[in-house]
Protein backbone atom coordinates (compact mmCIF):
# COMPACT_ATOMS: atom_id res chain seq x y z
CA MET A 1 131.58 80.66 114.52
CA ILE A 2 128.46 80.97 112.13
CA CYS A 3 127.83 85.05 111.14
CA GLU A 4 124.65 85.29 112.01
CA LEU A 5 124.01 87.63 108.86
CA CYS A 6 125.39 85.42 105.86
CA LEU A 7 125.57 82.46 108.02
CA ARG A 8 129.27 81.53 106.61
CA LYS A 9 131.42 79.43 108.88
CA VAL A 10 134.63 82.06 109.80
CA ASP A 11 137.08 81.93 112.22
CA GLU A 12 136.85 85.29 113.99
CA HIS A 13 133.91 87.69 114.62
CA THR A 14 132.48 90.45 115.31
CA ILE A 15 130.53 92.25 117.84
CA HIS A 16 127.28 94.70 115.85
CA HIS A 17 125.15 96.53 118.46
CA LEU A 18 121.64 96.40 116.49
CA ILE A 19 121.10 99.87 118.25
CA PRO A 20 124.63 101.17 117.77
CA LYS A 21 126.08 103.00 121.08
CA SER A 22 126.33 106.31 120.32
CA ARG A 23 122.21 105.99 119.67
CA ASP A 24 121.77 104.63 123.27
CA GLY A 25 123.02 101.02 122.24
CA VAL A 26 124.76 100.10 125.31
CA GLY A 27 123.30 97.16 126.78
CA LYS A 28 120.77 96.43 124.55
CA GLU A 29 120.74 93.89 121.64
CA VAL A 30 124.11 92.66 120.30
CA VAL A 31 124.75 89.89 117.24
CA ALA A 32 128.31 88.00 116.23
CA ILE A 33 129.01 88.74 112.77
CA CYS A 34 131.70 87.95 110.14
CA LYS A 35 133.96 91.56 109.05
CA ALA A 36 133.09 91.48 106.33
CA CYS A 37 129.26 92.01 107.19
CA HIS A 38 129.55 94.13 109.76
CA GLY A 39 132.19 96.72 107.17
CA MET A 40 129.30 96.57 104.86
CA ILE A 41 126.36 97.23 107.07
CA HIS A 42 128.76 99.79 108.50
CA SER A 43 128.93 101.24 104.53
CA LEU A 44 125.66 101.47 103.65
CA PHE A 45 124.26 102.35 106.99
CA SER A 46 123.96 105.12 108.92
CA ASN A 47 124.04 104.87 112.75
CA TRP A 48 120.30 106.36 112.34
CA GLN A 49 119.50 104.51 109.91
CA LEU A 50 120.40 101.14 111.85
CA ALA A 51 119.07 102.75 114.86
CA ARG A 52 115.94 104.06 113.61
CA GLU A 53 114.76 101.60 110.83
CA LEU A 54 117.21 98.10 110.76
CA ASN A 55 117.67 97.82 114.20
CA THR A 56 117.05 93.93 113.80
CA LEU A 57 118.79 90.69 112.41
CA ASP A 58 116.14 90.39 110.07
CA GLN A 59 115.13 94.20 108.77
CA LEU A 60 119.27 93.85 107.98
CA LYS A 61 118.57 90.86 106.28
CA LYS A 62 115.46 92.16 104.54
CA HIS A 63 117.06 95.38 103.19
CA PRO A 64 117.54 94.84 99.95
CA ASP A 65 121.25 96.30 99.22
CA MET A 66 122.03 93.89 102.81
CA ASN A 67 120.75 91.39 100.83
CA ARG A 68 122.27 91.40 98.13
CA PHE A 69 125.25 91.36 100.10
CA ILE A 70 124.49 88.55 101.40
CA HIS A 71 123.84 86.36 99.06
CA TRP A 72 127.31 87.46 97.04
CA VAL A 73 128.94 87.03 100.11
CA GLY A 74 127.55 83.83 101.50
CA LYS A 75 129.44 81.98 98.10
CA GLN A 76 133.22 83.70 98.99
CA ASP A 77 135.71 82.08 101.14
CA PRO A 78 135.34 82.64 104.41
CA ASN A 79 138.96 83.02 105.13
CA LYS A 80 139.28 85.53 102.06
CA ARG A 81 139.70 89.13 102.95
CA ILE A 82 136.83 91.44 101.59
CA LYS A 83 136.72 94.62 101.03
CA ILE A 84 134.33 96.92 101.92
CA GLN A 85 134.18 100.68 99.99
CA GLN A 86 132.58 103.79 101.44
CA LYS A 87 129.32 104.44 100.78
CA ILE A 88 127.64 106.57 103.13
CA GLN A 89 128.74 109.89 104.03
């Protein structure tokens, strides 16, 4: 399976709702991404930000913090567990 954000080939993926379910994203567009990218998205951004400002794959890729992470994680072994620290409150 290929992560739609970092484009790494991973054994497992998670489903990310581009508009969070808590913000009326039920039944809306989803993407298949790796656990590292999914963890970083929810570490960096609130559900409000995701619903209002970052609700497409392209917007997520272009955000400077996410872009920096995608560039870094793309060089990592896809089988390596990547620990993500919570950044938002």
